[in-house]
Structure formats: structure tokens, C-alpha cells
C-alpha atoms as a PDB file:
ATOM      1  CA  MET A   1      83.338  64.952  91.347  1.00  0.00           C
ATOM      2  CA  GLY A   2      79.756  64.109  90.507  1.00  0.00           C
ATOM      3  CA  LYS A   3      78.146  62.664  87.438  1.00  0.00           C
ATOM      4  CA  LEU A   4      74.752  62.510  85.740  1.00  0.00           C
ATOM      5  CA  SER A   5      73.440  59.250  84.309  1.00  0.00           C
ATOM      6  CA  THR A   6      70.149  57.739  83.185  1.00  0.00           C
ATOM      7  CA  HIS A   7      68.521  54.531  82.050  1.00  0.00           C
ATOM      8  CA  VAL A   8      65.174  53.488  80.608  1.00  0.00           C
ATOM      9  CA  LEU A   9      62.988  50.620  81.810  1.00  0.00           C
ATOM     10  CA  ASP A  10      60.163  49.440  79.519  1.00  0.00           C
ATOM     11  CA  ILE A  11      57.484  48.149  81.904  1.00  0.00           C
ATOM     12  CA  THR A  12      55.215  47.112  79.038  1.00  0.00           C
ATOM     13  CA  GLN A  13      57.638  44.392  78.007  1.00  0.00           C
ATOM     14  CA  GLY A  14      59.494  43.996  81.305  1.00  0.00           C
ATOM     15  CA  LYS A  15      62.916  44.782  79.851  1.00  0.00           C
ATOM     16  CA  PRO A  16      65.466  47.583  79.464  1.00  0.00           C
ATOM     17  CA  GLY A  17      64.514  50.259  76.951  1.00  0.00           C
ATOM     18  CA  ALA A  18      67.213  49.688  74.326  1.00  0.00           C
ATOM     19  CA  GLY A  19      67.541  52.201  71.506  1.00  0.00           C
ATOM     20  CA  VAL A  20      65.735  55.116  73.166  1.00  0.00           C
ATOM     21  CA  LYS A  21      66.929  58.464  71.832  1.00  0.00           C
ATOM     22  CA  LEU A  22      67.382  61.186  74.421  1.00  0.00           C
ATOM     23  CA  ALA A  23      68.557  64.766  74.688  1.00  0.00           C
ATOM     24  CA  LEU A  24      69.924  66.645  77.702  1.00  0.00           C
ATOM     25  CA  TYR A  25      69.393  70.395  78.062  1.00  0.00           C
ATOM     26  CA  ALA A  26      70.619  72.991  80.555  1.00  0.00           C
ATOM     27  CA  VAL A  27      67.812  75.376  81.495  1.00  0.00           C
ATOM     28  CA  ASN A  28      68.143  79.012  82.560  1.00  0.00           C
ATOM     29  CA  ALA A  29      66.184  82.283  82.365  1.00  0.00           C
ATOM     30  CA  GLU A  30      67.026  82.683  78.661  1.00  0.00           C
ATOM     31  CA  GLY A  31      65.701  79.222  77.742  1.00  0.00           C
ATOM     32  CA  ARG A  32      67.394  75.901  77.271  1.00  0.00           C
ATOM     33  CA  THR A  33      70.675  74.847  75.685  1.00  0.00           C
ATOM     34  CA  LEU A  34      71.292  71.402  74.204  1.00  0.00           C
ATOM     35  CA  LEU A  35      74.234  69.772  75.986  1.00  0.00           C
ATOM     36  CA  THR A  36      74.244  66.280  74.495  1.00  0.00           C
ATOM     37  CA  THR A  37      72.232  63.585  72.769  1.00  0.00           C
ATOM     38  CA  ASP A  38      72.543  59.837  73.157  1.00  0.00           C
ATOM     39  CA  VAL A  39      70.832  56.501  72.526  1.00  0.00           C
ATOM     40  CA  THR A  40      70.407  53.835  75.189  1.00  0.00           C
ATOM     41  CA  ASN A  41      72.279  50.551  74.790  1.00  0.00           C
ATOM     42  CA  ALA A  42      70.996  46.968  75.183  1.00  0.00           C
ATOM     43  CA  ASP A  43      70.884  47.456  78.965  1.00  0.00           C
ATOM     44  CA  GLY A  44      68.749  50.615  78.595  1.00  0.00           C
ATOM     45  CA  ARG A  45      71.664  52.786  79.698  1.00  0.00           C
ATOM     46  CA  CYS A  46      73.978  55.267  78.050  1.00  0.00           C
ATOM     47  CA  ALA A  47      77.513  53.963  77.569  1.00  0.00           C
ATOM     48  CA  ALA A  48      79.000  56.876  79.535  1.00  0.00           C
ATOM     49  CA  PRO A  49      77.663  59.466  81.982  1.00  0.00           C
ATOM     50  CA  LEU A  50      75.764  62.297  80.307  1.00  0.00           C
ATOM     51  CA  LEU A  51      77.835  64.773  82.339  1.00  0.00           C
ATOM     52  CA  ALA A  52      80.780  64.137  84.638  1.00  0.00           C
ATOM     53  CA  GLY A  53      83.281  66.096  86.684  1.00  0.00           C
ATOM     54  CA  GLU A  54      83.556  69.743  85.679  1.00  0.00           C
ATOM     55  CA  GLN A  55      80.782  69.325  83.075  1.00  0.00           C
ATOM     56  CA  LEU A  56      78.178  68.805  85.807  1.00  0.00           C
ATOM     57  CA  LYS A  57      77.155  72.113  87.348  1.00  0.00           C
ATOM     58  CA  ALA A  58      74.496  73.079  89.865  1.00  0.00           C
ATOM     59  CA  GLY A  59      71.375  74.233  88.083  1.00  0.00           C
ATOM     60  CA  LYS A  60      68.280  73.138  86.198  1.00  0.00           C
ATOM     61  CA  TYR A  61      68.221  70.493  83.474  1.00  0.00           C
ATOM     62  CA  GLU A  62      65.785  68.677  81.223  1.00  0.00           C
ATOM     63  CA  LEU A  63      66.086  65.155  79.881  1.00  0.00           C
ATOM     64  CA  VAL A  64      63.845  64.526  76.859  1.00  0.00           C
ATOM     65  CA  PHE A  65      63.229  60.902  75.888  1.00  0.00           C
ATOM     66  CA  ALA A  66      61.715  59.853  72.527  1.00  0.00           C
ATOM     67  CA  ALA A  67      59.504  57.249  74.202  1.00  0.00           C
ATOM     68  CA  GLY A  68      56.775  57.281  71.555  1.00  0.00           C
ATOM     69  CA  ASP A  69      59.274  56.570  68.785  1.00  0.00           C
ATOM     70  CA  TYR A  70      60.749  53.757  70.874  1.00  0.00           C
ATOM     71  CA  PHE A  71      57.367  52.062  71.336  1.00  0.00           C
ATOM     72  CA  ALA A  72      56.546  52.477  67.628  1.00  0.00           C
ATOM     73  CA  GLU A  73      59.859  50.790  66.751  1.00  0.00           C
ATOM     74  CA  GLN A  74      58.933  47.954  69.149  1.00  0.00           C
ATOM     75  CA  GLY A  75      55.700  47.404  67.228  1.00  0.00           C
ATOM     76  CA  VAL A  76      53.482  48.485  70.113  1.00  0.00           C
ATOM     77  CA  GLN A  77      50.081  49.525  68.753  1.00  0.00           C
ATOM     78  CA  VAL A  78      49.084  52.901  70.188  1.00  0.00           C
ATOM     79  CA  PRO A  79      46.549  55.450  68.938  1.00  0.00           C
ATOM     80  CA  GLU A  80      47.562  58.661  67.181  1.00  0.00           C
ATOM     81  CA  PRO A  81      48.290  61.042  68.621  1.00  0.00           C
ATOM     82  CA  ARG A  82      50.328  59.072  71.128  1.00  0.00           C
ATOM     83  CA  PHE A  83      49.375  59.464  74.779  1.00  0.00           C
ATOM     84  CA  VAL A  84      53.034  59.231  75.896  1.00  0.00           C
ATOM     85  CA  ASP A  85      55.309  60.595  73.186  1.00  0.00           C
ATOM     86  CA  GLU A  86      58.237  62.788  74.235  1.00  0.00           C
ATOM     87  CA  VAL A  87      58.844  62.464  77.956  1.00  0.00           C
ATOM     88  CA  THR A  88      60.496  65.500  79.515  1.00  0.00           C
ATOM     89  CA  ILE A  89      61.940  65.185  83.001  1.00  0.00           C
ATOM     90  CA  ALA A  90      62.805  68.583  84.470  1.00  0.00           C
ATOM     91  CA  PHE A  91      65.111  68.324  87.471  1.00  0.00           C
ATOM     92  CA  GLY A  92      67.652  70.283  89.470  1.00  0.00           C
ATOM     93  CA  VAL A  93      71.212  69.591  90.535  1.00  0.00           C
ATOM     94  CA  ALA A  94      71.875  71.228  93.887  1.00  0.00           C
ATOM     95  CA  ASP A  95      75.322  69.769  94.571  1.00  0.00           C
ATOM     96  CA  ALA A  96      77.480  69.063  91.502  1.00  0.00           C
ATOM     97  CA  GLY A  97      79.798  66.958  93.665  1.00  0.00           C
ATOM     98  CA  GLN A  98      77.150  64.255  94.032  1.00  0.00           C
ATOM     99  CA  ASN A  99      75.977  61.597  91.589  1.00  0.00           C
ATOM    100  CA  TYR A 100      72.564  62.100  90.009  1.00  0.00           C
ATOM    101  CA  HIS A 101      70.912  59.127  88.325  1.00  0.00           C
ATOM    102  CA  VAL A 102      67.615  59.984  86.593  1.00  0.00           C
ATOM    103  CA  PRO A 103      65.898  56.818  85.316  1.00  0.00           C
ATOM    104  CA  LEU A 104      62.742  56.669  83.220  1.00  0.00           C
ATOM    105  CA  VAL A 105      60.231  53.893  83.901  1.00  0.00           C
ATOM    106  CA  VAL A 106      57.826  54.016  80.962  1.00  0.00           C
ATOM    107  CA  SER A 107      54.914  52.447  79.110  1.00  0.00           C
ATOM    108  CA  PRO A 108      52.793  53.903  76.290  1.00  0.00           C
ATOM    109  CA  TRP A 109      50.320  55.043  78.971  1.00  0.00           C
ATOM    110  CA  ALA A 110      52.393  56.205  81.949  1.00  0.00           C
ATOM    111  CA  TYR A 111      55.876  57.061  83.179  1.00  0.00           C
ATOM    112  CA  SER A 112      57.726  57.816  86.393  1.00  0.00           C
ATOM    113  CA  THR A 113      61.174  58.726  87.608  1.00  0.00           C
ATOM    114  CA  TYR A 114      63.122  59.025  90.826  1.00  0.00           C
ATOM    115  CA  ARG A 115      66.519  60.233  91.949  1.00  0.00           C
ATOM    116  CA  GLY A 116      69.038  57.454  92.102  1.00  0.00           C
ATOM    117  CA  SER A 117      72.729  57.792  92.877  1.00  0.00           C
END
């Protein structure tokens, strides 16, 4: 059985993104449905998988990270409106039996992701 996990890396400060609020949505033709919310721990990770086993299904998802709020809480000076604020990563799960790890590497000016396992 597969699982979905994430973590946040703050490349501005060279450390895990601790305390980042995030939301996970399932996406279909009718729109999106909130599945769960979480906050990253001191290691920039969620304490448990976002979805695991029967909860993880093939389909489209969105992870929304409150990156702008995180940087504001860190005291990072950025202009208003923020260049990077809410980061939405839209991704697909083709095989729910596999592990999907969707990290966010972020600064106030840029972000990237990749598929881990």
C-alpha cells in the first residue's frame, strides 16, 4: 500500500521549514475537496503521511503551502504583495500502491518540487 508525504526546505536560511501550514485537496471535474490540513514539524515534515493505504487513490491532488506566512513569521522582509505567498503544487497519483513524496524547496522568491519516494 502506498503513501503520500511531504516536507519543506527553506533555502533562504538553509534549514527545514518548521511550522509551515499546508492543505491537501483531491481534484476532480467538479472542483477540489479538502482532505486534510497539517503543520510541518521541526524537521520540516508532517508527523504522519498525509494519505496512506486505502486513503491514497489514483487521481489528481493539490498541496497548498502557506509559504508567505511562514517567511513573515521568520521575520524575512519581503514586499507586499508577496512574490511567493501560497504555493500550490498540482500533481497526479497514477499508482496508489507506490509511495509519493512531494517536497517543497522554497524561498521568498522561488520554489521547486520533485517526486521523491
